[in-house]
Amino acid sequence: MTTVSHDVDPLALERQVCFALAVTNRAVLAVYRPLLEPLGLTHPQYLVMLALWDNAKAGGEPLSVKQIAALLQLDPATTSPMLKRLETLGLITRTRSAADERTTLISLTAGGAALRRKALDIPPAVVARLGVDLSELEHLHSVLTRINAAAVAAGALEA
């Protein structure tokens, strides 16, 4: 069993995981912003495109809004405005499912698929700008993925 030293304030700001994650999130997104600008994408839009590129690479059928939202761990209502903007940019198409007209299917356009080639420069540029070894970033990704899974299992993202 782990005990907390009486000399350590458990409420000290600098000891809070939530604070470290919030500050790091803002800083890392600030690194992405100028890299995504030439692509005409915001970071949330980039995440949608990553999901669509992964799906296309695997030869998958068009994804529904709900599937994209689930992949990104977002509410479908949050995802829909991003998808409308990506459609306006000519990167995706939104169509009603023939099997269920309540379901909207998302497909990449030729332009959206072609944008992937330009996006290939983003991951190495992020690593270079952060100045952190790739192995450290991979370890951090692994730890954050485990923490996220534990939070989800604890009901953190339940509606």
N, C-alpha and C. Protein backbone atom coordinates (compact mmCIF):
# COMPACT_ATOMS: atom_id res chain seq x y z
N MET A 1 0.84 -1.19 0.00
CA MET A 1 0.00 0.00 0.00
C MET A 1 0.88 1.25 0.00
N THR A 2 0.52 2.21 -0.82
CA THR A 2 1.29 3.44 -0.91
C THR A 2 0.73 4.45 0.07
N THR A 3 1.62 5.10 0.77
CA THR A 3 1.18 6.15 1.69
C THR A 3 1.74 7.47 1.21
N VAL A 4 1.06 8.54 1.55
CA VAL A 4 1.49 9.88 1.17
C VAL A 4 2.22 10.49 2.34
N SER A 5 3.40 11.03 2.07
CA SER A 5 4.17 11.70 3.11
C SER A 5 3.38 12.89 3.63
N HIS A 6 3.53 13.14 4.92
CA HIS A 6 2.82 14.28 5.52
C HIS A 6 3.41 15.60 5.05
N ASP A 7 4.62 15.57 4.49
CA ASP A 7 5.27 16.78 3.99
C ASP A 7 4.76 17.17 2.60
N VAL A 8 4.08 16.25 1.93
CA VAL A 8 3.62 16.50 0.58
C VAL A 8 2.14 16.88 0.61
N ASP A 9 1.84 18.02 0.03
CA ASP A 9 0.46 18.47 -0.03
C ASP A 9 -0.23 17.77 -1.21
N PRO A 10 -1.21 16.91 -0.94
CA PRO A 10 -1.86 16.18 -2.04
C PRO A 10 -2.67 17.10 -2.96
N LEU A 11 -2.88 18.34 -2.53
CA LEU A 11 -3.63 19.29 -3.36
C LEU A 11 -2.74 20.33 -4.01
N ALA A 12 -1.43 20.15 -3.96
CA ALA A 12 -0.52 21.08 -4.61
C ALA A 12 -0.74 21.01 -6.12
N LEU A 13 -0.90 22.17 -6.74
CA LEU A 13 -1.20 22.25 -8.17
C LEU A 13 -0.20 21.46 -9.00
N GLU A 14 1.08 21.63 -8.73
CA GLU A 14 2.11 20.98 -9.54
C GLU A 14 2.13 19.47 -9.39
N ARG A 15 1.41 18.92 -8.41
CA ARG A 15 1.35 17.47 -8.23
C ARG A 15 0.13 16.84 -8.91
N GLN A 16 -0.73 17.65 -9.47
CA GLN A 16 -1.98 17.16 -10.04
C GLN A 16 -1.78 16.63 -11.46
N VAL A 17 -2.16 15.39 -11.66
CA VAL A 17 -2.09 14.79 -13.00
C VAL A 17 -2.98 15.56 -13.96
N CYS A 18 -4.16 15.96 -13.51
CA CYS A 18 -5.08 16.69 -14.38
C CYS A 18 -4.46 17.99 -14.86
N PHE A 19 -3.72 18.66 -14.00
CA PHE A 19 -3.07 19.92 -14.39
C PHE A 19 -1.98 19.66 -15.43
N ALA A 20 -1.15 18.66 -15.19
CA ALA A 20 -0.07 18.32 -16.13
C ALA A 20 -0.65 17.94 -17.49
N LEU A 21 -1.74 17.17 -17.49
CA LEU A 21 -2.37 16.77 -18.74
C LEU A 21 -2.97 17.97 -19.47
N ALA A 22 -3.63 18.86 -18.73
CA ALA A 22 -4.27 20.03 -19.34
C ALA A 22 -3.23 20.96 -19.97
N VAL A 23 -2.14 21.22 -19.25
CA VAL A 23 -1.09 22.10 -19.77
C VAL A 23 -0.40 21.45 -20.98
N THR A 24 -0.12 20.16 -20.86
CA THR A 24 0.53 19.45 -21.97
C THR A 24 -0.38 19.41 -23.18
N ASN A 25 -1.66 19.19 -22.98
CA ASN A 25 -2.61 19.18 -24.09
C ASN A 25 -2.58 20.50 -24.84
N ARG A 26 -2.65 21.61 -24.12
CA ARG A 26 -2.61 22.92 -24.78
C ARG A 26 -1.29 23.14 -25.52
N ALA A 27 -0.18 22.74 -24.89
CA ALA A 27 1.13 22.95 -25.50
C ALA A 27 1.30 22.10 -26.76
N VAL A 28 0.90 20.84 -26.69
CA VAL A 28 1.06 19.95 -27.85
C VAL A 28 0.15 20.40 -28.99
N LEU A 29 -1.07 20.80 -28.67
CA LEU A 29 -1.97 21.29 -29.72
C LEU A 29 -1.41 22.56 -30.36
N ALA A 30 -0.71 23.38 -29.58
CA ALA A 30 -0.07 24.58 -30.13
C ALA A 30 1.06 24.20 -31.10
N VAL A 31 1.70 23.06 -30.88
CA VAL A 31 2.72 22.56 -31.81
C VAL A 31 2.05 22.12 -33.10
N TYR A 32 0.91 21.47 -33.00
CA TYR A 32 0.19 20.98 -34.19
C TYR A 32 -0.39 22.12 -35.04
N ARG A 33 -0.86 23.17 -34.39
CA ARG A 33 -1.63 24.23 -35.08
C ARG A 33 -0.92 24.75 -36.34
N PRO A 34 0.34 25.21 -36.27
CA PRO A 34 0.96 25.74 -37.49
C PRO A 34 1.25 24.66 -38.54
N LEU A 35 1.36 23.42 -38.11
CA LEU A 35 1.57 22.32 -39.05
C LEU A 35 0.30 21.97 -39.81
N LEU A 36 -0.84 22.14 -39.14
CA LEU A 36 -2.13 21.81 -39.76
C LEU A 36 -2.68 22.96 -40.60
N GLU A 37 -2.26 24.19 -40.30
CA GLU A 37 -2.77 25.35 -41.03
C GLU A 37 -2.64 25.23 -42.54
N PRO A 38 -1.47 24.81 -43.06
CA PRO A 38 -1.35 24.69 -44.53
C PRO A 38 -2.31 23.65 -45.12
N LEU A 39 -2.75 22.70 -44.30
CA LEU A 39 -3.71 21.70 -44.77
C LEU A 39 -5.14 22.21 -44.65
N GLY A 40 -5.32 23.33 -43.98
CA GLY A 40 -6.65 23.91 -43.79
C GLY A 40 -7.46 23.18 -42.74
N LEU A 41 -6.77 22.49 -41.81
CA LEU A 41 -7.46 21.69 -40.80
C LEU A 41 -7.21 22.20 -39.39
N THR A 42 -8.22 22.08 -38.56
CA THR A 42 -8.04 22.24 -37.13
C THR A 42 -7.62 20.88 -36.57
N HIS A 43 -7.17 20.85 -35.33
CA HIS A 43 -6.76 19.57 -34.75
C HIS A 43 -7.93 18.58 -34.69
N PRO A 44 -9.13 18.96 -34.23
CA PRO A 44 -10.24 18.00 -34.23
C PRO A 44 -10.57 17.48 -35.63
N GLN A 45 -10.50 18.36 -36.64
CA GLN A 45 -10.74 17.92 -38.02
C GLN A 45 -9.65 16.94 -38.47
N TYR A 46 -8.41 17.19 -38.06
CA TYR A 46 -7.30 16.30 -38.37
C TYR A 46 -7.57 14.91 -37.79
N LEU A 47 -8.09 14.84 -36.57
CA LEU A 47 -8.40 13.55 -35.96
C LEU A 47 -9.47 12.81 -36.76
N VAL A 48 -10.48 13.54 -37.23
CA VAL A 48 -11.51 12.92 -38.08
C VAL A 48 -10.86 12.37 -39.35
N MET A 49 -10.01 13.16 -39.96
CA MET A 49 -9.35 12.72 -41.19
C MET A 49 -8.47 11.49 -40.93
N LEU A 50 -7.77 11.46 -39.80
CA LEU A 50 -6.96 10.29 -39.45
C LEU A 50 -7.83 9.04 -39.39
N ALA A 51 -9.00 9.17 -38.76
CA ALA A 51 -9.91 8.02 -38.65
C ALA A 51 -10.37 7.58 -40.05
N LEU A 52 -10.69 8.54 -40.90
CA LEU A 52 -11.14 8.21 -42.25
C LEU A 52 -10.02 7.63 -43.10
N TRP A 53 -8.80 8.16 -42.96
CA TRP A 53 -7.66 7.62 -43.70
C TRP A 53 -7.35 6.19 -43.25
N ASP A 54 -7.41 5.94 -41.95
CA ASP A 54 -7.19 4.58 -41.43
C ASP A 54 -8.21 3.62 -42.02
N ASN A 55 -9.46 4.05 -42.01
CA ASN A 55 -10.54 3.21 -42.54
C ASN A 55 -10.36 2.93 -44.03
N ALA A 56 -9.99 3.96 -44.79
CA ALA A 56 -9.80 3.80 -46.23
C ALA A 56 -8.61 2.88 -46.52
N LYS A 57 -7.56 3.03 -45.73
CA LYS A 57 -6.36 2.20 -45.91
C LYS A 57 -6.69 0.73 -45.68
N ALA A 58 -7.61 0.48 -44.74
CA ALA A 58 -8.03 -0.89 -44.43
C ALA A 58 -9.09 -1.40 -45.42
N GLY A 59 -9.48 -0.54 -46.37
CA GLY A 59 -10.48 -0.94 -47.36
C GLY A 59 -11.89 -1.00 -46.81
N GLY A 60 -12.13 -0.25 -45.74
CA GLY A 60 -13.44 -0.29 -45.09
C GLY A 60 -14.52 0.46 -45.86
N GLU A 61 -15.74 0.13 -45.53
CA GLU A 61 -16.92 0.83 -46.06
C GLU A 61 -16.95 2.22 -45.44
N PRO A 62 -17.76 3.13 -46.00
CA PRO A 62 -17.90 4.45 -45.37
C PRO A 62 -18.28 4.31 -43.89
N LEU A 63 -17.78 5.22 -43.08
CA LEU A 63 -18.08 5.20 -41.65
C LEU A 63 -19.30 6.06 -41.36
N SER A 64 -20.09 5.65 -40.39
CA SER A 64 -21.22 6.48 -39.96
C SER A 64 -20.70 7.55 -39.00
N VAL A 65 -21.51 8.57 -38.81
CA VAL A 65 -21.17 9.63 -37.86
C VAL A 65 -20.96 9.01 -36.48
N LYS A 66 -21.83 8.06 -36.11
CA LYS A 66 -21.69 7.41 -34.79
C LYS A 66 -20.39 6.64 -34.68
N GLN A 67 -19.98 5.98 -35.75
CA GLN A 67 -18.72 5.23 -35.72
C GLN A 67 -17.53 6.18 -35.56
N ILE A 68 -17.55 7.29 -36.28
CA ILE A 68 -16.46 8.26 -36.16
C ILE A 68 -16.43 8.83 -34.74
N ALA A 69 -17.60 9.19 -34.22
CA ALA A 69 -17.67 9.72 -32.86
C ALA A 69 -17.13 8.71 -31.85
N ALA A 70 -17.46 7.44 -32.03
CA ALA A 70 -16.97 6.40 -31.12
C ALA A 70 -15.45 6.26 -31.22
N LEU A 71 -14.92 6.29 -32.43
CA LEU A 71 -13.47 6.19 -32.61
C LEU A 71 -12.74 7.34 -31.91
N LEU A 72 -13.33 8.52 -31.98
CA LEU A 72 -12.71 9.71 -31.39
C LEU A 72 -13.14 9.95 -29.95
N GLN A 73 -13.99 9.08 -29.45
CA GLN A 73 -14.54 9.20 -28.10
C GLN A 73 -15.18 10.58 -27.88
N LEU A 74 -16.01 10.94 -28.87
CA LEU A 74 -16.76 12.19 -28.82
C LEU A 74 -18.24 11.90 -28.93
N ASP A 75 -19.03 12.88 -28.57
CA ASP A 75 -20.47 12.79 -28.75
C ASP A 75 -20.77 13.03 -30.24
N PRO A 76 -21.69 12.24 -30.84
CA PRO A 76 -22.02 12.47 -32.26
C PRO A 76 -22.45 13.91 -32.55
N ALA A 77 -23.10 14.56 -31.60
CA ALA A 77 -23.54 15.94 -31.81
C ALA A 77 -22.34 16.89 -31.93
N THR A 78 -21.23 16.55 -31.30
CA THR A 78 -20.00 17.35 -31.41
C THR A 78 -19.32 17.09 -32.74
N THR A 79 -19.44 15.87 -33.23
CA THR A 79 -18.76 15.46 -34.45
C THR A 79 -19.44 16.03 -35.70
N SER A 80 -20.75 16.11 -35.69
CA SER A 80 -21.50 16.55 -36.88
C SER A 80 -21.07 17.91 -37.43
N PRO A 81 -20.90 18.95 -36.60
CA PRO A 81 -20.46 20.24 -37.17
C PRO A 81 -19.08 20.16 -37.83
N MET A 82 -18.18 19.36 -37.26
CA MET A 82 -16.85 19.18 -37.87
C MET A 82 -16.98 18.53 -39.24
N LEU A 83 -17.87 17.54 -39.33
CA LEU A 83 -18.07 16.84 -40.59
C LEU A 83 -18.67 17.78 -41.64
N LYS A 84 -19.58 18.63 -41.24
CA LYS A 84 -20.16 19.60 -42.17
C LYS A 84 -19.07 20.52 -42.71
N ARG A 85 -18.18 20.96 -41.85
CA ARG A 85 -17.08 21.84 -42.27
C ARG A 85 -16.13 21.10 -43.23
N LEU A 86 -15.82 19.84 -42.92
CA LEU A 86 -14.95 19.05 -43.80
C LEU A 86 -15.60 18.83 -45.16
N GLU A 87 -16.93 18.72 -45.17
CA GLU A 87 -17.65 18.59 -46.44
C GLU A 87 -17.56 19.90 -47.21
N THR A 88 -17.72 21.03 -46.53
CA THR A 88 -17.60 22.34 -47.16
C THR A 88 -16.20 22.52 -47.76
N LEU A 89 -15.19 21.97 -47.11
CA LEU A 89 -13.81 22.04 -47.60
C LEU A 89 -13.56 21.09 -48.77
N GLY A 90 -14.54 20.24 -49.06
CA GLY A 90 -14.41 19.30 -50.17
C GLY A 90 -13.60 18.06 -49.85
N LEU A 91 -13.45 17.75 -48.56
CA LEU A 91 -12.62 16.61 -48.16
C LEU A 91 -13.42 15.33 -47.93
N ILE A 92 -14.71 15.48 -47.65
CA ILE A 92 -15.57 14.33 -47.40
C ILE A 92 -16.92 14.54 -48.06
N THR A 93 -17.67 13.45 -48.16
CA THR A 93 -19.09 13.54 -48.55
C THR A 93 -19.90 12.92 -47.43
N ARG A 94 -21.08 13.46 -47.24
CA ARG A 94 -22.03 12.91 -46.26
C ARG A 94 -23.23 12.44 -47.05
N THR A 95 -23.60 11.17 -46.88
CA THR A 95 -24.78 10.63 -47.58
C THR A 95 -25.61 9.84 -46.59
N ARG A 96 -26.90 9.78 -46.87
CA ARG A 96 -27.80 8.97 -46.04
C ARG A 96 -27.63 7.51 -46.41
N SER A 97 -27.66 6.66 -45.41
CA SER A 97 -27.57 5.23 -45.64
C SER A 97 -28.85 4.74 -46.33
N ALA A 98 -28.69 3.88 -47.32
CA ALA A 98 -29.85 3.30 -48.00
C ALA A 98 -30.58 2.34 -47.06
N ALA A 99 -29.83 1.70 -46.17
CA ALA A 99 -30.42 0.74 -45.24
C ALA A 99 -31.16 1.41 -44.09
N ASP A 100 -30.69 2.61 -43.67
CA ASP A 100 -31.31 3.32 -42.55
C ASP A 100 -31.10 4.81 -42.78
N GLU A 101 -32.15 5.49 -43.21
CA GLU A 101 -32.01 6.91 -43.56
C GLU A 101 -31.65 7.80 -42.38
N ARG A 102 -31.76 7.28 -41.14
CA ARG A 102 -31.34 8.07 -39.98
C ARG A 102 -29.82 8.09 -39.84
N THR A 103 -29.13 7.21 -40.57
CA THR A 103 -27.69 7.09 -40.48
C THR A 103 -27.02 7.86 -41.62
N THR A 104 -26.08 8.71 -41.24
CA THR A 104 -25.29 9.45 -42.23
C THR A 104 -23.94 8.77 -42.38
N LEU A 105 -23.58 8.47 -43.62
CA LEU A 105 -22.30 7.81 -43.93
C LEU A 105 -21.31 8.84 -44.44
N ILE A 106 -20.07 8.68 -44.00
CA ILE A 106 -19.00 9.63 -44.35
C ILE A 106 -17.96 8.93 -45.21
N SER A 107 -17.65 9.54 -46.35
CA SER A 107 -16.64 9.02 -47.26
C SER A 107 -15.63 10.12 -47.59
N LEU A 108 -14.42 9.72 -47.88
CA LEU A 108 -13.41 10.66 -48.34
C LEU A 108 -13.69 11.01 -49.80
N THR A 109 -13.46 12.25 -50.17
CA THR A 109 -13.45 12.63 -51.58
C THR A 109 -12.05 12.34 -52.10
N ALA A 110 -11.84 12.52 -53.39
CA ALA A 110 -10.49 12.36 -53.96
C ALA A 110 -9.54 13.36 -53.30
N GLY A 111 -10.03 14.58 -53.07
CA GLY A 111 -9.21 15.60 -52.41
C GLY A 111 -8.87 15.22 -50.97
N GLY A 112 -9.85 14.65 -50.28
CA GLY A 112 -9.61 14.21 -48.90
C GLY A 112 -8.61 13.08 -48.84
N ALA A 113 -8.71 12.15 -49.78
CA ALA A 113 -7.75 11.04 -49.83
C ALA A 113 -6.36 11.57 -50.18
N ALA A 114 -6.27 12.51 -51.11
CA ALA A 114 -4.99 13.06 -51.54
C ALA A 114 -4.32 13.87 -50.43
N LEU A 115 -5.11 14.46 -49.55
CA LEU A 115 -4.55 15.26 -48.45
C LEU A 115 -3.68 14.42 -47.52
N ARG A 116 -3.92 13.12 -47.51
CA ARG A 116 -3.14 12.22 -46.65
C ARG A 116 -1.64 12.32 -46.97
N ARG A 117 -1.31 12.44 -48.25
CA ARG A 117 0.11 12.53 -48.64
C ARG A 117 0.78 13.73 -47.97
N LYS A 118 0.09 14.87 -47.94
CA LYS A 118 0.64 16.07 -47.30
C LYS A 118 0.73 15.88 -45.79
N ALA A 119 -0.24 15.17 -45.23
CA ALA A 119 -0.29 14.96 -43.77
C ALA A 119 0.81 14.04 -43.28
N LEU A 120 1.42 13.27 -44.18
CA LEU A 120 2.50 12.37 -43.77
C LEU A 120 3.67 13.11 -43.14
N ASP A 121 3.82 14.39 -43.44
CA ASP A 121 4.91 15.18 -42.87
C ASP A 121 4.64 15.63 -41.43
N ILE A 122 3.39 15.53 -40.99
CA ILE A 122 3.04 16.07 -39.68
C ILE A 122 3.66 15.28 -38.52
N PRO A 123 3.50 13.95 -38.42
CA PRO A 123 4.07 13.26 -37.26
C PRO A 123 5.57 13.50 -37.05
N PRO A 124 6.41 13.37 -38.09
CA PRO A 124 7.83 13.63 -37.83
C PRO A 124 8.11 15.09 -37.46
N ALA A 125 7.33 16.03 -38.00
CA ALA A 125 7.52 17.44 -37.66
C ALA A 125 7.15 17.68 -36.19
N VAL A 126 6.10 17.02 -35.70
CA VAL A 126 5.71 17.15 -34.30
C VAL A 126 6.83 16.62 -33.40
N VAL A 127 7.35 15.44 -33.73
CA VAL A 127 8.43 14.85 -32.94
C VAL A 127 9.63 15.80 -32.92
N ALA A 128 9.99 16.34 -34.08
CA ALA A 128 11.13 17.25 -34.16
C ALA A 128 10.91 18.51 -33.32
N ARG A 129 9.71 19.08 -33.41
CA ARG A 129 9.43 20.32 -32.66
C ARG A 129 9.38 20.08 -31.16
N LEU A 130 8.93 18.89 -30.75
CA LEU A 130 8.89 18.59 -29.32
C LEU A 130 10.29 18.32 -28.77
N GLY A 131 11.18 17.83 -29.62
CA GLY A 131 12.53 17.55 -29.18
C GLY A 131 12.63 16.43 -28.17
N VAL A 132 11.68 15.50 -28.24
CA VAL A 132 11.64 14.36 -27.33
C VAL A 132 11.89 13.11 -28.15
N ASP A 133 12.63 12.18 -27.59
CA ASP A 133 12.89 10.93 -28.31
C ASP A 133 11.58 10.23 -28.67
N LEU A 134 11.56 9.64 -29.85
CA LEU A 134 10.38 8.91 -30.30
C LEU A 134 10.02 7.81 -29.30
N SER A 135 11.02 7.14 -28.74
CA SER A 135 10.74 6.07 -27.77
C SER A 135 10.01 6.62 -26.54
N GLU A 136 10.36 7.84 -26.12
CA GLU A 136 9.67 8.46 -24.99
C GLU A 136 8.22 8.75 -25.33
N LEU A 137 8.00 9.27 -26.55
CA LEU A 137 6.64 9.56 -26.98
C LEU A 137 5.82 8.28 -27.11
N GLU A 138 6.43 7.22 -27.60
CA GLU A 138 5.72 5.94 -27.71
C GLU A 138 5.37 5.41 -26.32
N HIS A 139 6.28 5.56 -25.36
CA HIS A 139 6.00 5.12 -23.98
C HIS A 139 4.87 5.98 -23.40
N LEU A 140 4.93 7.29 -23.60
CA LEU A 140 3.87 8.18 -23.11
C LEU A 140 2.53 7.79 -23.72
N HIS A 141 2.51 7.51 -25.02
CA HIS A 141 1.28 7.08 -25.69
C HIS A 141 0.73 5.82 -25.04
N SER A 142 1.60 4.87 -24.75
CA SER A 142 1.18 3.61 -24.12
C SER A 142 0.57 3.87 -22.74
N VAL A 143 1.23 4.70 -21.94
CA VAL A 143 0.74 5.01 -20.59
C VAL A 143 -0.60 5.75 -20.68
N LEU A 144 -0.68 6.74 -21.56
CA LEU A 144 -1.93 7.50 -21.69
C LEU A 144 -3.07 6.62 -22.19
N THR A 145 -2.77 5.68 -23.08
CA THR A 145 -3.80 4.76 -23.56
C THR A 145 -4.31 3.89 -22.42
N ARG A 146 -3.42 3.42 -21.56
CA ARG A 146 -3.85 2.62 -20.40
C ARG A 146 -4.68 3.46 -19.43
N ILE A 147 -4.26 4.70 -19.19
CA ILE A 147 -5.01 5.58 -18.28
C ILE A 147 -6.39 5.86 -18.86
N ASN A 148 -6.45 6.13 -20.16
CA ASN A 148 -7.74 6.39 -20.80
C ASN A 148 -8.65 5.17 -20.69
N ALA A 149 -8.10 3.99 -20.94
CA ALA A 149 -8.92 2.76 -20.84
C ALA A 149 -9.43 2.57 -19.42
N ALA A 150 -8.60 2.86 -18.43
CA ALA A 150 -9.02 2.73 -17.03
C ALA A 150 -10.12 3.75 -16.73
N ALA A 151 -9.97 4.98 -17.22
CA ALA A 151 -11.00 6.00 -16.98
C ALA A 151 -12.32 5.61 -17.65
N VAL A 152 -12.24 5.09 -18.87
CA VAL A 152 -13.44 4.66 -19.58
C VAL A 152 -14.10 3.51 -18.82
N ALA A 153 -13.28 2.56 -18.37
CA ALA A 153 -13.81 1.42 -17.62
C ALA A 153 -14.48 1.88 -16.31
N ALA A 154 -14.00 2.99 -15.76
CA ALA A 154 -14.57 3.52 -14.53
C ALA A 154 -15.82 4.37 -14.82
N GLY A 155 -16.22 4.47 -16.10
CA GLY A 155 -17.43 5.19 -16.45
C GLY A 155 -17.21 6.66 -16.73
N ALA A 156 -15.96 7.07 -16.97
CA ALA A 156 -15.66 8.49 -17.16
C ALA A 156 -16.36 9.13 -18.34
N LEU A 157 -16.61 8.39 -19.40
CA LEU A 157 -17.21 8.98 -20.59
C LEU A 157 -18.66 8.57 -20.81
N GLU A 158 -19.30 8.10 -19.77
CA GLU A 158 -20.72 7.73 -19.90
C GLU A 158 -21.57 8.99 -19.99
N ALA A 159 -22.61 8.89 -20.77
CA ALA A 159 -23.50 10.06 -20.97
C ALA A 159 -24.36 10.28 -19.76
